[in-house]
Amino acid sequence: MVPAHIVSQPWPWPHTPNHLAMFALAVRRRDRREAIGQVVRTIVAAPGSARVPQSVVTGEPEIEG
């Protein structure tokens, strides 16, 4: 699940469902702290992922020009 989350960060639509899946896993494990954290992350995932620079995901610098 973590690799899918990292790869999807620059795109809001795939990124948000990853947080929903992590929320569902936290609920199944009865991990209240993680579930609450995923609710917050799900709320900010879509607008936040639209603002993540590609260099954060790939580790390569962005080329301006």
PDB file of N, CA and C in Angstrom:
ATOM      1  N   MET A   1       0.817  -1.183   0.000  1.00  0.00           N
ATOM      2  CA  MET A   1       0.000   0.000   0.000  1.00  0.00           C
ATOM      3  C   MET A   1       0.867   1.256   0.000  1.00  0.00           C
ATOM      4  N   VAL A   2       1.976   1.223   0.691  1.00  0.00           N
ATOM      5  CA  VAL A   2       2.842   2.401   0.747  1.00  0.00           C
ATOM      6  C   VAL A   2       3.387   2.765  -0.634  1.00  0.00           C
ATOM      7  N   PRO A   3       3.880   1.802  -1.438  1.00  0.00           N
ATOM      8  CA  PRO A   3       4.349   2.182  -2.771  1.00  0.00           C
ATOM      9  C   PRO A   3       3.243   2.817  -3.624  1.00  0.00           C
ATOM     10  N   ALA A   4       2.036   2.298  -3.541  1.00  0.00           N
ATOM     11  CA  ALA A   4       0.922   2.887  -4.303  1.00  0.00           C
ATOM     12  C   ALA A   4       0.660   4.303  -3.842  1.00  0.00           C
ATOM     13  N   HIS A   5       0.784   4.537  -2.553  1.00  0.00           N
ATOM     14  CA  HIS A   5       0.567   5.881  -2.018  1.00  0.00           C
ATOM     15  C   HIS A   5       1.629   6.846  -2.545  1.00  0.00           C
ATOM     16  N   ILE A   6       2.875   6.429  -2.525  1.00  0.00           N
ATOM     17  CA  ILE A   6       3.960   7.300  -2.971  1.00  0.00           C
ATOM     18  C   ILE A   6       3.830   7.618  -4.454  1.00  0.00           C
ATOM     19  N   VAL A   7       3.536   6.619  -5.255  1.00  0.00           N
ATOM     20  CA  VAL A   7       3.415   6.826  -6.704  1.00  0.00           C
ATOM     21  C   VAL A   7       2.231   7.725  -7.040  1.00  0.00           C
ATOM     22  N   SER A   8       1.156   7.636  -6.269  1.00  0.00           N
ATOM     23  CA  SER A   8      -0.059   8.388  -6.606  1.00  0.00           C
ATOM     24  C   SER A   8      -0.062   9.827  -6.090  1.00  0.00           C
ATOM     25  N   GLN A   9       0.915  10.235  -5.308  1.00  0.00           N
ATOM     26  CA  GLN A   9       0.877  11.552  -4.678  1.00  0.00           C
ATOM     27  C   GLN A   9       0.685  12.731  -5.630  1.00  0.00           C
ATOM     28  N   PRO A  10       1.270  12.738  -6.805  1.00  0.00           N
ATOM     29  CA  PRO A  10       1.076  13.918  -7.655  1.00  0.00           C
ATOM     30  C   PRO A  10      -0.326  14.028  -8.273  1.00  0.00           C
ATOM     31  N   TRP A  11      -1.130  12.982  -8.175  1.00  0.00           N
ATOM     32  CA  TRP A  11      -2.441  12.977  -8.817  1.00  0.00           C
ATOM     33  C   TRP A  11      -3.551  12.831  -7.776  1.00  0.00           C
ATOM     34  N   PRO A  12      -4.430  13.824  -7.674  1.00  0.00           N
ATOM     35  CA  PRO A  12      -5.459  13.812  -6.625  1.00  0.00           C
ATOM     36  C   PRO A  12      -6.390  12.598  -6.659  1.00  0.00           C
ATOM     37  N   TRP A  13      -6.854  12.181  -7.824  1.00  0.00           N
ATOM     38  CA  TRP A  13      -7.852  11.109  -7.863  1.00  0.00           C
ATOM     39  C   TRP A  13      -7.299   9.762  -7.430  1.00  0.00           C
ATOM     40  N   PRO A  14      -6.096   9.344  -7.817  1.00  0.00           N
ATOM     41  CA  PRO A  14      -5.584   8.085  -7.277  1.00  0.00           C
ATOM     42  C   PRO A  14      -5.093   8.214  -5.825  1.00  0.00           C
ATOM     43  N   HIS A  15      -4.634   9.395  -5.446  1.00  0.00           N
ATOM     44  CA  HIS A  15      -4.065   9.595  -4.118  1.00  0.00           C
ATOM     45  C   HIS A  15      -5.136   9.480  -3.028  1.00  0.00           C
ATOM     46  N   THR A  16      -6.271  10.092  -3.237  1.00  0.00           N
ATOM     47  CA  THR A  16      -7.330  10.087  -2.226  1.00  0.00           C
ATOM     48  C   THR A  16      -7.838   8.674  -1.928  1.00  0.00           C
ATOM     49  N   PRO A  17      -8.127   7.831  -2.922  1.00  0.00           N
ATOM     50  CA  PRO A  17      -8.560   6.459  -2.612  1.00  0.00           C
ATOM     51  C   PRO A  17      -7.515   5.654  -1.836  1.00  0.00           C
ATOM     52  N   ASN A  18      -6.238   5.961  -2.018  1.00  0.00           N
ATOM     53  CA  ASN A  18      -5.218   5.284  -1.224  1.00  0.00           C
ATOM     54  C   ASN A  18      -5.401   5.583   0.258  1.00  0.00           C
ATOM     55  N   HIS A  19      -5.726   6.824   0.578  1.00  0.00           N
ATOM     56  CA  HIS A  19      -5.975   7.172   1.978  1.00  0.00           C
ATOM     57  C   HIS A  19      -7.251   6.494   2.485  1.00  0.00           C
ATOM     58  N   LEU A  20      -8.250   6.371   1.633  1.00  0.00           N
ATOM     59  CA  LEU A  20      -9.467   5.663   2.046  1.00  0.00           C
ATOM     60  C   LEU A  20      -9.171   4.189   2.331  1.00  0.00           C
ATOM     61  N   ALA A  21      -8.313   3.593   1.512  1.00  0.00           N
ATOM     62  CA  ALA A  21      -7.934   2.191   1.744  1.00  0.00           C
ATOM     63  C   ALA A  21      -7.151   2.054   3.050  1.00  0.00           C
ATOM     64  N   MET A  22      -6.275   3.010   3.330  1.00  0.00           N
ATOM     65  CA  MET A  22      -5.519   2.962   4.581  1.00  0.00           C
ATOM     66  C   MET A  22      -6.437   3.191   5.777  1.00  0.00           C
ATOM     67  N   PHE A  23      -7.473   4.015   5.596  1.00  0.00           N
ATOM     68  CA  PHE A  23      -8.468   4.222   6.650  1.00  0.00           C
ATOM     69  C   PHE A  23      -9.216   2.913   6.919  1.00  0.00           C
ATOM     70  N   ALA A  24      -9.635   2.235   5.858  1.00  0.00           N
ATOM     71  CA  ALA A  24     -10.359   0.974   6.013  1.00  0.00           C
ATOM     72  C   ALA A  24      -9.492  -0.062   6.727  1.00  0.00           C
ATOM     73  N   LEU A  25      -8.213  -0.111   6.393  1.00  0.00           N
ATOM     74  CA  LEU A  25      -7.304  -1.038   7.065  1.00  0.00           C
ATOM     75  C   LEU A  25      -7.175  -0.699   8.553  1.00  0.00           C
ATOM     76  N   ALA A  26      -7.073   0.582   8.861  1.00  0.00           N
ATOM     77  CA  ALA A  26      -6.977   1.001  10.265  1.00  0.00           C
ATOM     78  C   ALA A  26      -8.239   0.612  11.039  1.00  0.00           C
ATOM     79  N   VAL A  27      -9.398   0.739  10.400  1.00  0.00           N
ATOM     80  CA  VAL A  27     -10.654   0.359  11.060  1.00  0.00           C
ATOM     81  C   VAL A  27     -10.676  -1.151  11.307  1.00  0.00           C
ATOM     82  N   ARG A  28     -10.278  -1.935  10.292  1.00  0.00           N
ATOM     83  CA  ARG A  28     -10.243  -3.397  10.463  1.00  0.00           C
ATOM     84  C   ARG A  28      -9.298  -3.810  11.580  1.00  0.00           C
ATOM     85  N   ARG A  29      -8.208  -3.072  11.717  1.00  0.00           N
ATOM     86  CA  ARG A  29      -7.231  -3.377  12.778  1.00  0.00           C
ATOM     87  C   ARG A  29      -7.604  -2.730  14.111  1.00  0.00           C
ATOM     88  N   ARG A  30      -8.680  -1.974  14.108  1.00  0.00           N
ATOM     89  CA  ARG A  30      -9.148  -1.258  15.302  1.00  0.00           C
ATOM     90  C   ARG A  30      -8.094  -0.306  15.855  1.00  0.00           C
ATOM     91  N   ASP A  31      -7.393   0.336  14.921  1.00  0.00           N
ATOM     92  CA  ASP A  31      -6.356   1.304  15.268  1.00  0.00           C
ATOM     93  C   ASP A  31      -6.966   2.703  15.180  1.00  0.00           C
ATOM     94  N   ARG A  32      -7.510   3.159  16.300  1.00  0.00           N
ATOM     95  CA  ARG A  32      -8.240   4.431  16.333  1.00  0.00           C
ATOM     96  C   ARG A  32      -7.347   5.606  15.924  1.00  0.00           C
ATOM     97  N   ARG A  33      -6.135   5.635  16.425  1.00  0.00           N
ATOM     98  CA  ARG A  33      -5.235   6.756  16.121  1.00  0.00           C
ATOM     99  C   ARG A  33      -4.955   6.849  14.619  1.00  0.00           C
ATOM    100  N   GLU A  34      -4.652   5.709  13.995  1.00  0.00           N
ATOM    101  CA  GLU A  34      -4.386   5.697  12.551  1.00  0.00           C
ATOM    102  C   GLU A  34      -5.643   6.058  11.763  1.00  0.00           C
ATOM    103  N   ALA A  35      -6.794   5.556  12.190  1.00  0.00           N
ATOM    104  CA  ALA A  35      -8.045   5.862  11.486  1.00  0.00           C
ATOM    105  C   ALA A  35      -8.325   7.367  11.510  1.00  0.00           C
ATOM    106  N   ILE A  36      -8.156   7.985  12.666  1.00  0.00           N
ATOM    107  CA  ILE A  36      -8.375   9.436  12.755  1.00  0.00           C
ATOM    108  C   ILE A  36      -7.372  10.181  11.872  1.00  0.00           C
ATOM    109  N   GLY A  37      -6.127   9.730  11.902  1.00  0.00           N
ATOM    110  CA  GLY A  37      -5.110  10.354  11.047  1.00  0.00           C
ATOM    111  C   GLY A  37      -5.440  10.236   9.574  1.00  0.00           C
ATOM    112  N   GLN A  38      -5.985   9.091   9.168  1.00  0.00           N
ATOM    113  CA  GLN A  38      -6.343   8.908   7.762  1.00  0.00           C
ATOM    114  C   GLN A  38      -7.548   9.748   7.363  1.00  0.00           C
ATOM    115  N   VAL A  39      -8.466   9.989   8.291  1.00  0.00           N
ATOM    116  CA  VAL A  39      -9.592  10.882   7.987  1.00  0.00           C
ATOM    117  C   VAL A  39      -9.053  12.270   7.648  1.00  0.00           C
ATOM    118  N   VAL A  40      -8.145  12.761   8.472  1.00  0.00           N
ATOM    119  CA  VAL A  40      -7.548  14.084   8.217  1.00  0.00           C
ATOM    120  C   VAL A  40      -6.781  14.068   6.905  1.00  0.00           C
ATOM    121  N   ARG A  41      -5.986  13.035   6.684  1.00  0.00           N
ATOM    122  CA  ARG A  41      -5.195  12.956   5.443  1.00  0.00           C
ATOM    123  C   ARG A  41      -6.089  12.839   4.212  1.00  0.00           C
ATOM    124  N   THR A  42      -7.205  12.138   4.333  1.00  0.00           N
ATOM    125  CA  THR A  42      -8.121  12.004   3.203  1.00  0.00           C
ATOM    126  C   THR A  42      -8.707  13.359   2.832  1.00  0.00           C
ATOM    127  N   ILE A  43      -9.029  14.159   3.829  1.00  0.00           N
ATOM    128  CA  ILE A  43      -9.601  15.488   3.572  1.00  0.00           C
ATOM    129  C   ILE A  43      -8.616  16.377   2.817  1.00  0.00           C
ATOM    130  N   VAL A  44      -7.339  16.292   3.150  1.00  0.00           N
ATOM    131  CA  VAL A  44      -6.347  17.157   2.504  1.00  0.00           C
ATOM    132  C   VAL A  44      -5.631  16.491   1.330  1.00  0.00           C
ATOM    133  N   ALA A  45      -5.902  15.216   1.069  1.00  0.00           N
ATOM    134  CA  ALA A  45      -5.168  14.485   0.022  1.00  0.00           C
ATOM    135  C   ALA A  45      -5.378  15.082  -1.362  1.00  0.00           C
ATOM    136  N   ALA A  46      -6.602  15.336  -1.746  1.00  0.00           N
ATOM    137  CA  ALA A  46      -6.857  15.826  -3.098  1.00  0.00           C
ATOM    138  C   ALA A  46      -6.250  17.203  -3.330  1.00  0.00           C
ATOM    139  N   PRO A  47      -6.571  18.197  -2.505  1.00  0.00           N
ATOM    140  CA  PRO A  47      -5.948  19.503  -2.770  1.00  0.00           C
ATOM    141  C   PRO A  47      -4.441  19.488  -2.529  1.00  0.00           C
ATOM    142  N   GLY A  48      -3.991  18.701  -1.565  1.00  0.00           N
ATOM    143  CA  GLY A  48      -2.566  18.656  -1.268  1.00  0.00           C
ATOM    144  C   GLY A  48      -1.751  17.990  -2.348  1.00  0.00           C
ATOM    145  N   SER A  49      -2.273  16.914  -2.930  1.00  0.00           N
ATOM    146  CA  SER A  49      -1.509  16.198  -3.948  1.00  0.00           C
ATOM    147  C   SER A  49      -1.399  16.995  -5.229  1.00  0.00           C
ATOM    148  N   ALA A  50      -2.325  17.875  -5.475  1.00  0.00           N
ATOM    149  CA  ALA A  50      -2.247  18.719  -6.664  1.00  0.00           C
ATOM    150  C   ALA A  50      -1.089  19.709  -6.541  1.00  0.00           C
ATOM    151  N   ARG A  51      -0.572  19.872  -5.316  1.00  0.00           N
ATOM    152  CA  ARG A  51       0.489  20.840  -5.080  1.00  0.00           C
ATOM    153  C   ARG A  51       1.847  20.195  -4.818  1.00  0.00           C
ATOM    154  N   VAL A  52       1.947  18.865  -4.857  1.00  0.00           N
ATOM    155  CA  VAL A  52       3.218  18.180  -4.596  1.00  0.00           C
ATOM    156  C   VAL A  52       4.091  18.280  -5.838  1.00  0.00           C
ATOM    157  N   PRO A  53       5.276  18.884  -5.724  1.00  0.00           N
ATOM    158  CA  PRO A  53       6.168  18.951  -6.889  1.00  0.00           C
ATOM    159  C   PRO A  53       6.615  17.561  -7.303  1.00  0.00           C
ATOM    160  N   GLN A  54       6.744  17.324  -8.579  1.00  0.00           N
ATOM    161  CA  GLN A  54       7.153  16.021  -9.093  1.00  0.00           C
ATOM    162  C   GLN A  54       8.505  15.606  -8.527  1.00  0.00           C
ATOM    163  N   SER A  55       9.388  16.562  -8.235  1.00  0.00           N
ATOM    164  CA  SER A  55      10.709  16.226  -7.713  1.00  0.00           C
ATOM    165  C   SER A  55      10.628  15.557  -6.351  1.00  0.00           C
ATOM    166  N   VAL A  56       9.581  15.824  -5.585  1.00  0.00           N
ATOM    167  CA  VAL A  56       9.409  15.180  -4.282  1.00  0.00           C
ATOM    168  C   VAL A  56       9.162  13.685  -4.481  1.00  0.00           C
ATOM    169  N   VAL A  57       8.418  13.344  -5.517  1.00  0.00           N
ATOM    170  CA  VAL A  57       8.063  11.952  -5.772  1.00  0.00           C
ATOM    171  C   VAL A  57       9.215  11.199  -6.423  1.00  0.00           C
ATOM    172  N   THR A  58       9.843  11.793  -7.428  1.00  0.00           N
ATOM    173  CA  THR A  58      10.866  11.090  -8.197  1.00  0.00           C
ATOM    174  C   THR A  58      12.262  11.261  -7.635  1.00  0.00           C
ATOM    175  N   GLY A  59      12.480  12.307  -6.861  1.00  0.00           N
ATOM    176  CA  GLY A  59      13.815  12.587  -6.365  1.00  0.00           C
ATOM    177  C   GLY A  59      14.687  13.319  -7.376  1.00  0.00           C
ATOM    178  N   GLU A  60      14.119  13.574  -8.549  1.00  0.00           N
ATOM    179  CA  GLU A  60      14.859  14.290  -9.586  1.00  0.00           C
ATOM    180  C   GLU A  60      14.440  15.755  -9.606  1.00  0.00           C
ATOM    181  N   PRO A  61      15.369  16.664  -9.841  1.00  0.00           N
ATOM    182  CA  PRO A  61      15.007  18.080  -9.873  1.00  0.00           C
ATOM    183  C   PRO A  61      14.127  18.388 -11.075  1.00  0.00           C
ATOM    184  N   GLU A  62      13.217  19.335 -10.881  1.00  0.00           N
ATOM    185  CA  GLU A  62      12.380  19.765 -11.990  1.00  0.00           C
ATOM    186  C   GLU A  62      13.175  20.690 -12.878  1.00  0.00           C
ATOM    187  N   ILE A  63      12.956  20.584 -14.168  1.00  0.00           N
ATOM    188  CA  ILE A  63      13.655  21.423 -15.134  1.00  0.00           C
ATOM    189  C   ILE A  63      12.748  22.585 -15.493  1.00  0.00           C
ATOM    190  N   GLU A  64      13.212  23.773 -15.219  1.00  0.00           N
ATOM    191  CA  GLU A  64      12.434  24.954 -15.564  1.00  0.00           C
ATOM    192  C   GLU A  64      12.906  25.471 -16.895  1.00  0.00           C
ATOM    193  N   GLY A  65      11.977  26.026 -17.640  1.00  0.00           N
ATOM    194  CA  GLY A  65      12.456  26.586 -18.877  1.00  0.00           C
ATOM    195  C   GLY A  65      11.424  26.880 -19.781  1.00  0.00           C
TER     196      GLY A  65
END
